[in-house]
C-alpha atoms as a PDB file:
ATOM      1  CA  MET A   1      10.914 -17.038  -4.611  1.00  0.00           C
ATOM      2  CA  ASN A   2       8.539 -18.561  -7.240  1.00  0.00           C
ATOM      3  CA  ASP A   3      10.007 -18.843 -10.727  1.00  0.00           C
ATOM      4  CA  HIS A   4       7.509 -18.666 -13.519  1.00  0.00           C
ATOM      5  CA  PRO A   5       9.227 -18.461 -16.812  1.00  0.00           C
ATOM      6  CA  PRO A   6       7.232 -17.356 -19.783  1.00  0.00           C
ATOM      7  CA  ALA A   7       5.561 -19.926 -21.893  1.00  0.00           C
ATOM      8  CA  PRO A   8       7.740 -21.174 -24.795  1.00  0.00           C
ATOM      9  CA  ASP A   9       5.560 -19.221 -27.380  1.00  0.00           C
ATOM     10  CA  SER A  10       5.588 -16.097 -25.281  1.00  0.00           C
ATOM     11  CA  PRO A  11       7.847 -13.414 -26.941  1.00  0.00           C
ATOM     12  CA  ARG A  12      10.453 -11.965 -24.857  1.00  0.00           C
ATOM     13  CA  THR A  13      11.099  -8.299 -24.930  1.00  0.00           C
ATOM     14  CA  ALA A  14      13.748  -6.016 -23.615  1.00  0.00           C
ATOM     15  CA  SER A  15      11.473  -5.218 -20.611  1.00  0.00           C
ATOM     16  CA  ASP A  16      11.232  -8.944 -19.852  1.00  0.00           C
ATOM     17  CA  ALA A  17      15.043  -9.124 -19.763  1.00  0.00           C
ATOM     18  CA  SER A  18      15.338  -5.956 -17.632  1.00  0.00           C
ATOM     19  CA  TRP A  19      12.784  -7.103 -15.156  1.00  0.00           C
ATOM     20  CA  GLU A  20      14.549 -10.552 -14.825  1.00  0.00           C
ATOM     21  CA  ALA A  21      17.747  -8.654 -14.172  1.00  0.00           C
ATOM     22  CA  GLU A  22      15.997  -6.622 -11.517  1.00  0.00           C
ATOM     23  CA  ALA A  23      14.472  -9.849 -10.093  1.00  0.00           C
ATOM     24  CA  GLY A  24      17.966 -11.190  -9.452  1.00  0.00           C
ATOM     25  CA  GLU A  25      18.942  -7.960  -7.889  1.00  0.00           C
ATOM     26  CA  ILE A  26      15.859  -7.958  -5.600  1.00  0.00           C
ATOM     27  CA  ARG A  27      16.498 -11.611  -4.652  1.00  0.00           C
ATOM     28  CA  ARG A  28      19.982 -10.817  -3.588  1.00  0.00           C
ATOM     29  CA  PHE A  29      18.725  -8.098  -1.401  1.00  0.00           C
ATOM     30  CA  TRP A  30      16.343 -10.384   0.661  1.00  0.00           C
ATOM     31  CA  GLU A  31      18.472 -13.439   0.518  1.00  0.00           C
ATOM     32  CA  GLY A  32      21.277 -11.239   1.996  1.00  0.00           C
ATOM     33  CA  LEU A  33      19.156 -10.377   4.897  1.00  0.00           C
ATOM     34  CA  GLY A  34      18.218 -14.027   5.502  1.00  0.00           C
ATOM     35  CA  LEU A  35      14.579 -13.495   4.530  1.00  0.00           C
ATOM     36  CA  PRO A  36      12.297 -15.915   2.695  1.00  0.00           C
ATOM     37  CA  GLY A  37      11.146 -13.049   0.452  1.00  0.00           C
ATOM     38  CA  LEU A  38       9.331  -9.802   0.860  1.00  0.00           C
ATOM     39  CA  VAL A  39       5.757  -8.841   1.971  1.00  0.00           C
ATOM     40  CA  ASP A  40       4.385  -5.667   0.357  1.00  0.00           C
ATOM     41  CA  VAL A  41       1.340  -4.193   1.876  1.00  0.00           C
ATOM     42  CA  HIS A  42       0.715  -1.519  -0.775  1.00  0.00           C
ATOM     43  CA  THR A  43       0.232  -2.827  -4.293  1.00  0.00           C
ATOM     44  CA  HIS A  44      -2.575  -2.134  -6.670  1.00  0.00           C
ATOM     45  CA  PHE A  45      -4.692  -4.619  -8.563  1.00  0.00           C
ATOM     46  CA  MET A  46      -8.250  -3.715  -9.555  1.00  0.00           C
ATOM     47  CA  PRO A  47     -10.628  -4.234 -12.471  1.00  0.00           C
ATOM     48  CA  GLU A  48      -8.901  -3.510 -15.624  1.00  0.00           C
ATOM     49  CA  ARG A  49     -11.176  -0.748 -16.802  1.00  0.00           C
ATOM     50  CA  VAL A  50     -10.703   0.977 -13.329  1.00  0.00           C
ATOM     51  CA  LEU A  51      -6.906   0.677 -13.543  1.00  0.00           C
ATOM     52  CA  ASP A  52      -6.946   1.958 -17.071  1.00  0.00           C
ATOM     53  CA  LYS A  53      -8.663   5.104 -15.767  1.00  0.00           C
ATOM     54  CA  VAL A  54      -6.067   5.462 -13.049  1.00  0.00           C
ATOM     55  CA  TRP A  55      -3.235   5.239 -15.546  1.00  0.00           C
ATOM     56  CA  GLU A  56      -4.836   7.713 -17.765  1.00  0.00           C
ATOM     57  CA  TYR A  57      -5.017  10.076 -14.705  1.00  0.00           C
ATOM     58  CA  PHE A  58      -1.259   9.602 -14.095  1.00  0.00           C
ATOM     59  CA  ASP A  59      -0.541  10.049 -17.885  1.00  0.00           C
ATOM     60  CA  ALA A  60      -2.434  13.459 -17.924  1.00  0.00           C
ATOM     61  CA  GLN A  61      -0.594  14.482 -14.770  1.00  0.00           C
ATOM     62  CA  GLY A  62      -3.958  15.068 -12.877  1.00  0.00           C
ATOM     63  CA  THR A  63      -4.060  17.374 -10.028  1.00  0.00           C
ATOM     64  CA  LEU A  64      -3.868  14.681  -7.302  1.00  0.00           C
ATOM     65  CA  THR A  65      -0.584  13.645  -8.732  1.00  0.00           C
ATOM     66  CA  GLY A  66       0.758  17.036  -7.906  1.00  0.00           C
ATOM     67  CA  GLY A  67       1.118  17.753 -11.610  1.00  0.00           C
ATOM     68  CA  LEU A  68       4.276  15.644 -11.728  1.00  0.00           C
ATOM     69  CA  GLU A  69       5.396  13.485 -14.699  1.00  0.00           C
ATOM     70  CA  TRP A  70       4.620  10.103 -13.476  1.00  0.00           C
ATOM     71  CA  PRO A  71       5.409   7.125 -15.912  1.00  0.00           C
ATOM     72  CA  ILE A  72       4.039   3.826 -14.984  1.00  0.00           C
ATOM     73  CA  THR A  73       6.871   1.464 -14.874  1.00  0.00           C
ATOM     74  CA  TYR A  74       5.083  -1.792 -14.661  1.00  0.00           C
ATOM     75  CA  ARG A  75       2.328  -1.204 -17.218  1.00  0.00           C
ATOM     76  CA  ARG A  76       1.314  -4.733 -18.130  1.00  0.00           C
ATOM     77  CA  GLU A  77      -1.638  -7.046 -18.196  1.00  0.00           C
ATOM     78  CA  GLU A  78      -2.981  -8.219 -14.635  1.00  0.00           C
ATOM     79  CA  ALA A  79      -1.430 -11.838 -14.946  1.00  0.00           C
ATOM     80  CA  GLU A  80       1.878 -10.464 -15.949  1.00  0.00           C
ATOM     81  CA  ARG A  81       2.108  -8.010 -13.082  1.00  0.00           C
ATOM     82  CA  ALA A  82       1.220 -10.761 -10.633  1.00  0.00           C
ATOM     83  CA  ASP A  83       3.968 -12.791 -12.105  1.00  0.00           C
ATOM     84  CA  VAL A  84       6.508  -9.891 -11.910  1.00  0.00           C
ATOM     85  CA  LEU A  85       5.920  -9.654  -8.232  1.00  0.00           C
ATOM     86  CA  ARG A  86       6.375 -13.388  -7.824  1.00  0.00           C
ATOM     87  CA  ARG A  87       9.738 -13.143  -9.799  1.00  0.00           C
ATOM     88  CA  PHE A  88      10.745 -10.377  -7.376  1.00  0.00           C
ATOM     89  CA  GLY A  89      10.072 -12.814  -4.395  1.00  0.00           C
ATOM     90  CA  VAL A  90       7.224 -10.967  -2.953  1.00  0.00           C
ATOM     91  CA  ARG A  91       5.440 -13.696  -0.826  1.00  0.00           C
ATOM     92  CA  ALA A  92       2.409 -11.696  -0.101  1.00  0.00           C
ATOM     93  CA  PHE A  93       0.921  -8.722  -1.635  1.00  0.00           C
ATOM     94  CA  THR A  94      -2.423  -6.572  -1.667  1.00  0.00           C
ATOM     95  CA  SER A  95      -5.002  -5.530  -4.183  1.00  0.00           C
ATOM     96  CA  MET A  96      -5.327  -1.876  -3.076  1.00  0.00           C
ATOM     97  CA  LEU A  97      -8.514  -0.631  -4.687  1.00  0.00           C
ATOM     98  CA  TYR A  98     -10.799   2.222  -3.888  1.00  0.00           C
ATOM     99  CA  PRO A  99     -14.010   3.977  -4.817  1.00  0.00           C
ATOM    100  CA  HIS A 100     -14.353   7.582  -5.654  1.00  0.00           C
ATOM    101  CA  LYS A 101     -18.155   7.644  -5.526  1.00  0.00           C
ATOM    102  CA  PRO A 102     -21.092   5.970  -3.786  1.00  0.00           C
ATOM    103  CA  GLY A 103     -22.171   2.515  -5.199  1.00  0.00           C
ATOM    104  CA  MET A 104     -18.640   1.404  -6.140  1.00  0.00           C
ATOM    105  CA  ALA A 105     -17.220  -0.264  -3.003  1.00  0.00           C
ATOM    106  CA  ARG A 106     -19.476  -3.312  -2.857  1.00  0.00           C
ATOM    107  CA  TRP A 107     -18.703  -4.096  -6.511  1.00  0.00           C
ATOM    108  CA  LEU A 108     -15.073  -3.588  -6.121  1.00  0.00           C
ATOM    109  CA  ASN A 109     -15.094  -5.830  -3.025  1.00  0.00           C
ATOM    110  CA  GLY A 110     -16.586  -8.558  -5.160  1.00  0.00           C
ATOM    111  CA  TRP A 111     -13.955  -8.255  -7.749  1.00  0.00           C
ATOM    112  CA  ALA A 112     -11.261  -8.263  -5.013  1.00  0.00           C
ATOM    113  CA  ALA A 113     -12.558 -11.446  -3.385  1.00  0.00           C
ATOM    114  CA  ASP A 114     -12.423 -13.295  -6.814  1.00  0.00           C
ATOM    115  CA  PHE A 115      -9.002 -11.857  -7.412  1.00  0.00           C
ATOM    116  CA  ALA A 116      -7.650 -13.232  -4.086  1.00  0.00           C
ATOM    117  CA  HIS A 117      -9.281 -16.537  -4.716  1.00  0.00           C
ATOM    118  CA  ARG A 118      -7.365 -16.828  -8.030  1.00  0.00           C
ATOM    119  CA  THR A 119      -4.051 -15.327  -6.631  1.00  0.00           C
ATOM    120  CA  PRO A 120      -2.873 -17.214  -3.698  1.00  0.00           C
ATOM    121  CA  GLU A 121      -0.213 -14.613  -2.904  1.00  0.00           C
ATOM    122  CA  CYS A 122      -2.660 -11.805  -2.548  1.00  0.00           C
ATOM    123  CA  LEU A 123      -4.035 -10.919   0.957  1.00  0.00           C
ATOM    124  CA  HIS A 124      -7.815 -10.691   0.324  1.00  0.00           C
ATOM    125  CA  THR A 125      -8.431  -6.777   0.198  1.00  0.00           C
ATOM    126  CA  ALA A 126     -11.580  -4.832   0.424  1.00  0.00           C
ATOM    127  CA  THR A 127     -12.639  -1.080   0.518  1.00  0.00           C
ATOM    128  CA  LEU A 128     -15.305   1.324   1.904  1.00  0.00           C
ATOM    129  CA  TYR A 129     -16.849   4.620   1.250  1.00  0.00           C
ATOM    130  CA  PRO A 130     -19.215   6.816   3.402  1.00  0.00           C
ATOM    131  CA  GLU A 131     -22.688   5.642   2.277  1.00  0.00           C
ATOM    132  CA  GLN A 132     -25.774   4.129   3.914  1.00  0.00           C
ATOM    133  CA  ASP A 133     -24.857   0.422   3.396  1.00  0.00           C
ATOM    134  CA  VAL A 134     -21.155   0.655   4.381  1.00  0.00           C
ATOM    135  CA  GLU A 135     -21.472  -1.141   7.773  1.00  0.00           C
ATOM    136  CA  THR A 136     -23.389  -3.982   5.934  1.00  0.00           C
ATOM    137  CA  TYR A 137     -20.887  -4.511   2.962  1.00  0.00           C
ATOM    138  CA  VAL A 138     -17.912  -4.101   5.418  1.00  0.00           C
ATOM    139  CA  ARG A 139     -19.302  -6.866   7.683  1.00  0.00           C
ATOM    140  CA  GLU A 140     -19.965  -9.094   4.592  1.00  0.00           C
ATOM    141  CA  ALA A 141     -16.424  -8.494   3.381  1.00  0.00           C
ATOM    142  CA  VAL A 142     -15.003  -9.499   6.771  1.00  0.00           C
ATOM    143  CA  GLU A 143     -17.097 -12.622   6.974  1.00  0.00           C
ATOM    144  CA  ALA A 144     -15.978 -13.481   3.420  1.00  0.00           C
ATOM    145  CA  GLY A 145     -12.377 -13.510   4.667  1.00  0.00           C
ATOM    146  CA  ALA A 146     -11.082  -9.921   3.875  1.00  0.00           C
ATOM    147  CA  ARG A 147      -7.648  -9.542   5.534  1.00  0.00           C
ATOM    148  CA  VAL A 148      -6.895  -5.789   4.915  1.00  0.00           C
ATOM    149  CA  PHE A 149      -8.941  -2.891   3.774  1.00  0.00           C
ATOM    150  CA  LYS A 150      -8.001   0.126   1.672  1.00  0.00           C
ATOM    151  CA  ALA A 151      -9.338   3.676   2.375  1.00  0.00           C
ATOM    152  CA  HIS A 152      -8.314   6.633   0.125  1.00  0.00           C
ATOM    153  CA  VAL A 153      -9.330   9.914   1.758  1.00  0.00           C
ATOM    154  CA  GLN A 154      -7.622  11.883  -1.025  1.00  0.00           C
ATOM    155  CA  VAL A 155      -9.185  10.211  -4.071  1.00  0.00           C
ATOM    156  CA  GLY A 156     -12.520   9.560  -2.345  1.00  0.00           C
ATOM    157  CA  ALA A 157     -12.634  13.114  -1.078  1.00  0.00           C
ATOM    158  CA  TYR A 158     -14.500  12.135   1.950  1.00  0.00           C
ATOM    159  CA  ASP A 159     -14.150  12.940   5.603  1.00  0.00           C
ATOM    160  CA  PRO A 160     -12.909   9.855   7.542  1.00  0.00           C
ATOM    161  CA  THR A 161     -14.832  11.166  10.548  1.00  0.00           C
ATOM    162  CA  ASP A 162     -18.145  10.912   8.643  1.00  0.00           C
ATOM    163  CA  GLU A 163     -20.896   9.488  10.886  1.00  0.00           C
ATOM    164  CA  LEU A 164     -21.711   7.095   8.102  1.00  0.00           C
ATOM    165  CA  LEU A 165     -18.271   5.522   8.637  1.00  0.00           C
ATOM    166  CA  GLN A 166     -18.246   5.235  12.361  1.00  0.00           C
ATOM    167  CA  PRO A 167     -20.035   1.806  12.501  1.00  0.00           C
ATOM    168  CA  ALA A 168     -17.667   0.506   9.856  1.00  0.00           C
ATOM    169  CA  TRP A 169     -14.506   1.638  11.632  1.00  0.00           C
ATOM    170  CA  GLY A 170     -16.094  -0.156  14.722  1.00  0.00           C
ATOM    171  CA  VAL A 171     -16.394  -3.397  12.856  1.00  0.00           C
ATOM    172  CA  LEU A 172     -12.853  -3.315  11.664  1.00  0.00           C
ATOM    173  CA  ALA A 173     -11.359  -2.394  15.056  1.00  0.00           C
ATOM    174  CA  GLU A 174     -13.258  -5.258  16.653  1.00  0.00           C
ATOM    175  CA  ALA A 175     -12.252  -7.710  13.876  1.00  0.00           C
ATOM    176  CA  ARG A 176      -8.595  -6.464  14.109  1.00  0.00           C
ATOM    177  CA  ILE A 177      -8.335  -6.144  10.405  1.00  0.00           C
ATOM    178  CA  PRO A 178      -5.750  -3.626   9.267  1.00  0.00           C
ATOM    179  CA  VAL A 179      -6.801  -0.657   7.073  1.00  0.00           C
ATOM    180  CA  VAL A 180      -4.140   0.903   4.686  1.00  0.00           C
ATOM    181  CA  ILE A 181      -5.366   4.503   4.497  1.00  0.00           C
ATOM    182  CA  HIS A 182      -4.157   7.207   2.319  1.00  0.00           C
ATOM    183  CA  CYS A 183      -4.669  10.237   4.410  1.00  0.00           C
ATOM    184  CA  GLY A 184      -1.559  12.411   4.123  1.00  0.00           C
ATOM    185  CA  SER A 185      -1.698  15.466   1.935  1.00  0.00           C
ATOM    186  CA  GLY A 186       0.838  14.167  -0.629  1.00  0.00           C
ATOM    187  CA  PRO A 187       1.419  14.355  -3.468  1.00  0.00           C
ATOM    188  CA  ALA A 188      -1.311  16.965  -3.431  1.00  0.00           C
ATOM    189  CA  PRO A 189      -3.748  17.834  -0.553  1.00  0.00           C
ATOM    190  CA  GLY A 190      -7.412  16.956  -0.559  1.00  0.00           C
ATOM    191  CA  LYS A 191     -10.213  18.519   1.372  1.00  0.00           C
ATOM    192  CA  HIS A 192      -9.991  16.066   4.231  1.00  0.00           C
ATOM    193  CA  THR A 193      -6.344  14.997   4.105  1.00  0.00           C
ATOM    194  CA  GLY A 194      -3.871  15.521   6.974  1.00  0.00           C
ATOM    195  CA  PRO A 195      -3.461  14.194  10.456  1.00  0.00           C
ATOM    196  CA  GLU A 196      -6.346  15.998  12.254  1.00  0.00           C
ATOM    197  CA  PRO A 197      -9.330  13.985  10.855  1.00  0.00           C
ATOM    198  CA  ILE A 198      -7.382  10.669  11.537  1.00  0.00           C
ATOM    199  CA  ALA A 199      -6.565  11.751  15.132  1.00  0.00           C
ATOM    200  CA  ARG A 200     -10.445  12.269  15.533  1.00  0.00           C
ATOM    201  CA  VAL A 201     -11.039   8.767  14.153  1.00  0.00           C
ATOM    202  CA  LEU A 202      -8.443   7.212  16.532  1.00  0.00           C
ATOM    203  CA  ALA A 203      -9.952   9.109  19.535  1.00  0.00           C
ATOM    204  CA  ARG A 204     -13.116   7.174  18.857  1.00  0.00           C
ATOM    205  CA  HIS A 205     -11.591   3.966  17.827  1.00  0.00           C
ATOM    206  CA  PRO A 206      -8.271   3.689  19.493  1.00  0.00           C
ATOM    207  CA  ARG A 207      -7.889  -0.054  18.690  1.00  0.00           C
ATOM    208  CA  LEU A 208      -8.338   0.568  14.907  1.00  0.00           C
ATOM    209  CA  ARG A 209      -5.358  -0.947  13.027  1.00  0.00           C
ATOM    210  CA  LEU A 210      -4.556   1.905  10.680  1.00  0.00           C
ATOM    211  CA  ILE A 211      -1.534   1.515   8.360  1.00  0.00           C
ATOM    212  CA  VAL A 212      -0.871   5.119   7.186  1.00  0.00           C
ATOM    213  CA  ALA A 213       0.129   5.002   3.477  1.00  0.00           C
ATOM    214  CA  HIS A 214       3.247   6.775   2.198  1.00  0.00           C
ATOM    215  CA  MET A 215       4.388   7.413   5.834  1.00  0.00           C
ATOM    216  CA  GLY A 216       1.677  10.236   5.764  1.00  0.00           C
ATOM    217  CA  MET A 217       3.655  12.445   3.478  1.00  0.00           C
ATOM    218  CA  PRO A 218       4.278  15.330   3.738  1.00  0.00           C
ATOM    219  CA  GLU A 219       2.835  15.391   7.375  1.00  0.00           C
ATOM    220  CA  TYR A 220       5.590  12.720   8.243  1.00  0.00           C
ATOM    221  CA  GLU A 221       6.239  13.875  11.888  1.00  0.00           C
ATOM    222  CA  ASP A 222       2.451  14.307  12.672  1.00  0.00           C
ATOM    223  CA  PHE A 223       1.754  10.771  11.640  1.00  0.00           C
ATOM    224  CA  LEU A 224       4.747   9.501  13.569  1.00  0.00           C
ATOM    225  CA  GLY A 225       3.245  11.152  16.460  1.00  0.00           C
ATOM    226  CA  LEU A 226      -0.016   9.295  16.029  1.00  0.00           C
ATOM    227  CA  ALA A 227       1.828   5.950  15.838  1.00  0.00           C
ATOM    228  CA  GLU A 228       3.698   6.854  19.102  1.00  0.00           C
ATOM    229  CA  ARG A 229       0.411   7.619  20.726  1.00  0.00           C
ATOM    230  CA  TYR A 230      -1.622   4.637  19.524  1.00  0.00           C
ATOM    231  CA  ALA A 231      -0.084   1.219  19.600  1.00  0.00           C
ATOM    232  CA  GLU A 232      -2.072  -0.107  16.622  1.00  0.00           C
ATOM    233  CA  VAL A 233      -1.087   2.582  14.190  1.00  0.00           C
ATOM    234  CA  ARG A 234       1.527   1.528  11.681  1.00  0.00           C
ATOM    235  CA  LEU A 235       3.042   3.266   8.582  1.00  0.00           C
ATOM    236  CA  ASP A 236       3.941   1.865   5.237  1.00  0.00           C
ATOM    237  CA  THR A 237       7.068   3.121   3.321  1.00  0.00           C
ATOM    238  CA  THR A 238       5.434   3.510  -0.002  1.00  0.00           C
ATOM    239  CA  MET A 239       7.433   5.887  -2.147  1.00  0.00           C
ATOM    240  CA  ALA A 240       9.117   7.280   1.012  1.00  0.00           C
ATOM    241  CA  PHE A 241      12.809   8.101   0.938  1.00  0.00           C
ATOM    242  CA  THR A 242      13.112   7.443  -2.803  1.00  0.00           C
ATOM    243  CA  ASP A 243      14.818   9.947  -5.081  1.00  0.00           C
ATOM    244  CA  PHE A 244      11.481  10.759  -6.740  1.00  0.00           C
ATOM    245  CA  THR A 245       9.729  11.731  -3.488  1.00  0.00           C
ATOM    246  CA  GLU A 246      12.754  13.235  -1.873  1.00  0.00           C
ATOM    247  CA  GLY A 247      12.795  15.777  -4.636  1.00  0.00           C
ATOM    248  CA  PHE A 248       9.586  17.379  -3.722  1.00  0.00           C
ATOM    249  CA  LEU A 249       8.366  15.941  -0.281  1.00  0.00           C
ATOM    250  CA  PRO A 250      11.576  15.016   1.507  1.00  0.00           C
ATOM    251  CA  PHE A 251      11.442  13.196   4.919  1.00  0.00           C
ATOM    252  CA  PRO A 252      12.819  15.542   7.637  1.00  0.00           C
ATOM    253  CA  ARG A 253      16.131  13.948   8.770  1.00  0.00           C
ATOM    254  CA  ARG A 254      15.485  15.231  12.364  1.00  0.00           C
ATOM    255  CA  ALA A 255      12.654  12.647  12.499  1.00  0.00           C
ATOM    256  CA  LEU A 256      14.741   9.561  11.636  1.00  0.00           C
ATOM    257  CA  PRO A 257      15.463   8.628  15.213  1.00  0.00           C
ATOM    258  CA  ARG A 258      11.576   8.602  15.815  1.00  0.00           C
ATOM    259  CA  PHE A 259      11.171   6.568  12.690  1.00  0.00           C
ATOM    260  CA  ALA A 260      13.922   4.154  13.608  1.00  0.00           C
ATOM    261  CA  GLY A 261      12.237   3.821  17.035  1.00  0.00           C
ATOM    262  CA  LEU A 262       8.961   2.638  15.526  1.00  0.00           C
ATOM    263  CA  GLY A 263      10.812  -0.173  13.514  1.00  0.00           C
ATOM    264  CA  ASP A 264       8.416  -2.897  14.686  1.00  0.00           C
ATOM    265  CA  ARG A 265       5.426  -0.854  13.104  1.00  0.00           C
ATOM    266  CA  ILE A 266       6.825   0.125   9.747  1.00  0.00           C
ATOM    267  CA  LEU A 267       5.803  -1.884   6.842  1.00  0.00           C
ATOM    268  CA  LEU A 268       7.081  -2.237   3.165  1.00  0.00           C
ATOM    269  CA  GLY A 269       4.834  -0.652   0.634  1.00  0.00           C
ATOM    270  CA  SER A 270       5.709   0.089  -2.849  1.00  0.00           C
ATOM    271  CA  ASP A 271       2.649   1.399  -4.993  1.00  0.00           C
ATOM    272  CA  PHE A 272       3.534  -1.338  -7.629  1.00  0.00           C
ATOM    273  CA  PRO A 273       2.735  -1.101 -10.531  1.00  0.00           C
ATOM    274  CA  ASN A 274       2.026   2.692 -10.370  1.00  0.00           C
ATOM    275  CA  ILE A 275       5.638   3.726  -9.660  1.00  0.00           C
ATOM    276  CA  PRO A 276       7.900   5.998 -11.856  1.00  0.00           C
ATOM    277  CA  TYR A 277      11.011   4.066 -11.086  1.00  0.00           C
ATOM    278  CA  PRO A 278      12.090   0.359 -10.683  1.00  0.00           C
ATOM    279  CA  TYR A 279      10.734  -1.570  -7.652  1.00  0.00           C
ATOM    280  CA  VAL A 280      14.220  -2.234  -6.415  1.00  0.00           C
ATOM    281  CA  HIS A 281      14.833   1.449  -5.857  1.00  0.00           C
ATOM    282  CA  GLN A 282      12.361   1.374  -2.881  1.00  0.00           C
ATOM    283  CA  LEU A 283      14.552  -1.181  -1.255  1.00  0.00           C
ATOM    284  CA  HIS A 284      17.668   0.631  -1.848  1.00  0.00           C
ATOM    285  CA  ALA A 285      16.125   3.757  -0.608  1.00  0.00           C
ATOM    286  CA  LEU A 286      15.415   1.949   2.728  1.00  0.00           C
ATOM    287  CA  GLU A 287      18.719   0.295   2.778  1.00  0.00           C
ATOM    288  CA  ARG A 288      20.672   3.532   2.444  1.00  0.00           C
ATOM    289  CA  LEU A 289      18.968   4.911   5.629  1.00  0.00           C
ATOM    290  CA  GLY A 290      21.660   3.011   7.433  1.00  0.00           C
ATOM    291  CA  LEU A 291      19.408   1.504  10.066  1.00  0.00           C
ATOM    292  CA  GLY A 292      20.835  -1.940   9.777  1.00  0.00           C
ATOM    293  CA  PRO A 293      19.868  -5.566   8.758  1.00  0.00           C
ATOM    294  CA  GLU A 294      17.641  -6.282  11.680  1.00  0.00           C
ATOM    295  CA  TRP A 295      15.562  -3.149  10.966  1.00  0.00           C
ATOM    296  CA  LEU A 296      15.388  -4.013   7.253  1.00  0.00           C
ATOM    297  CA  ARG A 297      14.372  -7.674   8.009  1.00  0.00           C
ATOM    298  CA  ALA A 298      11.476  -6.366  10.132  1.00  0.00           C
ATOM    299  CA  VAL A 299      10.302  -3.745   7.678  1.00  0.00           C
ATOM    300  CA  CYS A 300      10.615  -5.743   4.429  1.00  0.00           C
ATOM    301  CA  HIS A 301       9.020  -9.044   5.796  1.00  0.00           C
ATOM    302  CA  ASP A 302       8.748  -9.844   9.562  1.00  0.00           C
ATOM    303  CA  ASN A 303       6.399  -6.972  10.655  1.00  0.00           C
ATOM    304  CA  ALA A 304       3.816  -7.687   7.957  1.00  0.00           C
ATOM    305  CA  ALA A 305       4.342 -11.382   8.114  1.00  0.00           C
ATOM    306  CA  ALA A 306       3.326 -11.252  11.899  1.00  0.00           C
ATOM    307  CA  LEU A 307       0.454  -8.863  11.402  1.00  0.00           C
ATOM    308  CA  PHE A 308      -1.198 -10.951   8.615  1.00  0.00           C
ATOM    309  CA  GLY A 309      -0.007 -14.480   9.633  1.00  0.00           C
ATOM    310  CA  VAL A 310       1.913 -15.000   6.411  1.00  0.00           C
END
């Protein structure tokens, strides 16, 4: 794990101390598994004014949060947030960002390319939206070195089967670039969330490397079915199995054997920094499933490391 102590003139706070204690606990977790660290495919970095708006939405308990109280555990400046992940031993992470209207995606992609350039641990992330120039800017992002895309059907309120998106899905399938897609109906449903639209996308683009965010909650079993049907479909663990999520959208225990059987296509995700509990809780939530150290090694590092060549 990279260790970056604060500069001598940096004031140390109670939260600094608590996060350093958490970093030690996280390090013991991955060292105990014999791993060199973690790979987290679902972390959020975006332009500060955009992230501020996201945090304001969580603070206001907006409708897409399910009206839940949702404190942001890691509300810090950008450089400090990246440093927290380094302290935790996250070897590679993403800058999941997403537009909610036309004209945003190209600008966000430019910001994300710069962020990846100045943040070596970040997997160069890009995004998309159904608009006339989507194929063009998706190709541009691919040519610029994007390694993962983010699509947010819930916040973007768009149909993933929109004809405007079909050429872009084709570009990404051909380039074999994964897309982390929030398409499940949790924590609150959107007009186009759920497994049916994604099933239609995959019927047209069966080689598209979709990583279903949040395990597709709450339609967990439907998205497990898509992963069982399509070899390039994966799921990330973001917020799944945590006490927070189990309290309102629990994973059905009858589906645990199916979930375990897809162990080579489950990837660690956290939603950092926008989580209402400590980062380590996601790791403990996975550990307490009792699926064993080999499964944990694959999910917390090896699957994503192989997918992204980390």
